[in-house]
Amino acid sequence: MSDEIASTPQDVTVRETPIELTQFIKFAGLAESGGAAKQLVAEGSVLLNGAVETRKRKQLVAGDKVTVAGRTIVVRVR
């Protein structure tokens, strides 16, 4: 993946919000499992709207931006 693609936010559509941060990380493909998503959050490796987020059960709403390892995903609702 090129740096340009990695830095361009991508939309991920969910059926409804709110959705828990770790569920969204797994659903968006930023982590291979729920356990891996929880670990990323606990380590402080997840940014929510540009700030480090360490609350695993944080509820996301449409428009929130989640960044992991330089890849940004935007919450969208179907």
C-alpha atoms as a PDB file:
ATOM      1  CA  MET A   1       0.000   0.000   0.000  1.00  0.00           C
ATOM      2  CA  SER A   2       1.414   3.390  -0.906  1.00  0.00           C
ATOM      3  CA  ASP A   3       1.675   6.209   1.635  1.00  0.00           C
ATOM      4  CA  GLU A   4      -0.929   8.203  -0.285  1.00  0.00           C
ATOM      5  CA  ILE A   5      -3.508   5.413  -0.021  1.00  0.00           C
ATOM      6  CA  ALA A   6      -2.663   4.779   3.638  1.00  0.00           C
ATOM      7  CA  SER A   7      -3.136   8.453   4.550  1.00  0.00           C
ATOM      8  CA  THR A   8      -6.412   8.910   2.660  1.00  0.00           C
ATOM      9  CA  PRO A   9      -9.376   8.292   4.991  1.00  0.00           C
ATOM     10  CA  GLN A  10     -11.610   5.454   3.864  1.00  0.00           C
ATOM     11  CA  ASP A  11     -15.308   5.122   4.689  1.00  0.00           C
ATOM     12  CA  VAL A  12     -16.609   1.985   6.374  1.00  0.00           C
ATOM     13  CA  THR A  13     -20.388   1.683   6.505  1.00  0.00           C
ATOM     14  CA  VAL A  14     -22.154   0.108   9.481  1.00  0.00           C
ATOM     15  CA  ARG A  15     -25.846  -0.656   9.897  1.00  0.00           C
ATOM     16  CA  GLU A  16     -26.343   1.527  12.947  1.00  0.00           C
ATOM     17  CA  THR A  17     -24.566   3.641  15.506  1.00  0.00           C
ATOM     18  CA  PRO A  18     -23.413   3.779  18.163  1.00  0.00           C
ATOM     19  CA  ILE A  19     -20.887   0.981  17.648  1.00  0.00           C
ATOM     20  CA  GLU A  20     -18.142   0.083  20.123  1.00  0.00           C
ATOM     21  CA  LEU A  21     -14.616   1.120  19.178  1.00  0.00           C
ATOM     22  CA  THR A  22     -13.163  -2.403  19.318  1.00  0.00           C
ATOM     23  CA  GLN A  23     -16.042  -3.824  17.279  1.00  0.00           C
ATOM     24  CA  PHE A  24     -15.489  -1.173  14.624  1.00  0.00           C
ATOM     25  CA  ILE A  25     -11.721  -1.769  14.515  1.00  0.00           C
ATOM     26  CA  LYS A  26     -12.327  -5.472  13.881  1.00  0.00           C
ATOM     27  CA  PHE A  27     -15.177  -4.867  11.391  1.00  0.00           C
ATOM     28  CA  ALA A  28     -13.089  -2.340   9.437  1.00  0.00           C
ATOM     29  CA  GLY A  29     -10.227  -4.820   9.138  1.00  0.00           C
ATOM     30  CA  LEU A  30      -7.778  -2.817  11.248  1.00  0.00           C
ATOM     31  CA  ALA A  31      -7.329  -5.848  13.527  1.00  0.00           C
ATOM     32  CA  GLU A  32      -7.658  -9.576  12.856  1.00  0.00           C
ATOM     33  CA  SER A  33      -9.705 -10.297  15.993  1.00  0.00           C
ATOM     34  CA  GLY A  34     -11.577  -8.647  18.807  1.00  0.00           C
ATOM     35  CA  GLY A  35      -8.706  -9.507  21.154  1.00  0.00           C
ATOM     36  CA  ALA A  36      -6.213  -7.844  18.839  1.00  0.00           C
ATOM     37  CA  ALA A  37      -8.449  -4.759  18.653  1.00  0.00           C
ATOM     38  CA  LYS A  38      -8.625  -4.567  22.460  1.00  0.00           C
ATOM     39  CA  GLN A  39      -4.846  -4.853  22.672  1.00  0.00           C
ATOM     40  CA  LEU A  40      -4.343  -2.013  20.174  1.00  0.00           C
ATOM     41  CA  VAL A  41      -6.647   0.224  22.223  1.00  0.00           C
ATOM     42  CA  ALA A  42      -5.015  -0.735  25.546  1.00  0.00           C
ATOM     43  CA  GLU A  43      -1.553   0.032  24.110  1.00  0.00           C
ATOM     44  CA  GLY A  44      -2.661   3.516  23.057  1.00  0.00           C
ATOM     45  CA  SER A  45      -2.176   2.662  19.376  1.00  0.00           C
ATOM     46  CA  VAL A  46      -5.620   3.937  18.338  1.00  0.00           C
ATOM     47  CA  LEU A  47      -6.517   7.526  17.558  1.00  0.00           C
ATOM     48  CA  LEU A  48     -10.142   8.658  17.630  1.00  0.00           C
ATOM     49  CA  ASN A  49     -10.659  11.963  15.840  1.00  0.00           C
ATOM     50  CA  GLY A  50      -6.933  12.674  16.192  1.00  0.00           C
ATOM     51  CA  ALA A  51      -6.567  11.911  19.928  1.00  0.00           C
ATOM     52  CA  VAL A  52      -5.351   8.727  21.621  1.00  0.00           C
ATOM     53  CA  GLU A  53      -8.339   6.659  22.794  1.00  0.00           C
ATOM     54  CA  THR A  54      -7.886   3.975  25.463  1.00  0.00           C
ATOM     55  CA  ARG A  55     -11.549   3.208  26.245  1.00  0.00           C
ATOM     56  CA  LYS A  56     -12.292  -0.127  24.551  1.00  0.00           C
ATOM     57  CA  ARG A  57     -16.044   0.314  24.858  1.00  0.00           C
ATOM     58  CA  LYS A  58     -16.099   3.899  23.592  1.00  0.00           C
ATOM     59  CA  GLN A  59     -19.224   4.373  21.484  1.00  0.00           C
ATOM     60  CA  LEU A  60     -18.634   5.699  17.977  1.00  0.00           C
ATOM     61  CA  VAL A  61     -21.082   7.705  15.905  1.00  0.00           C
ATOM     62  CA  ALA A  62     -21.263   8.609  12.234  1.00  0.00           C
ATOM     63  CA  GLY A  63     -18.371  10.799  11.156  1.00  0.00           C
ATOM     64  CA  ASP A  64     -15.898   9.583  13.800  1.00  0.00           C
ATOM     65  CA  LYS A  65     -12.402   8.924  12.428  1.00  0.00           C
ATOM     66  CA  VAL A  66     -10.412   5.959  13.742  1.00  0.00           C
ATOM     67  CA  THR A  67      -6.691   5.709  12.941  1.00  0.00           C
ATOM     68  CA  VAL A  68      -4.522   2.627  13.473  1.00  0.00           C
ATOM     69  CA  ALA A  69      -0.965   2.317  12.111  1.00  0.00           C
ATOM     70  CA  GLY A  70      -1.449   5.345   9.867  1.00  0.00           C
ATOM     71  CA  ARG A  71      -4.667   4.025   8.316  1.00  0.00           C
ATOM     72  CA  THR A  72      -7.744   6.182   8.917  1.00  0.00           C
ATOM     73  CA  ILE A  73     -11.281   4.835   8.689  1.00  0.00           C
ATOM     74  CA  VAL A  74     -14.416   6.995   8.902  1.00  0.00           C
ATOM     75  CA  VAL A  75     -17.647   5.668  10.446  1.00  0.00           C
ATOM     76  CA  ARG A  76     -20.587   5.894   8.044  1.00  0.00           C
ATOM     77  CA  VAL A  77     -24.148   4.638   8.547  1.00  0.00           C
ATOM     78  CA  ARG A  78     -26.115   2.825   5.886  1.00  0.00           C
END
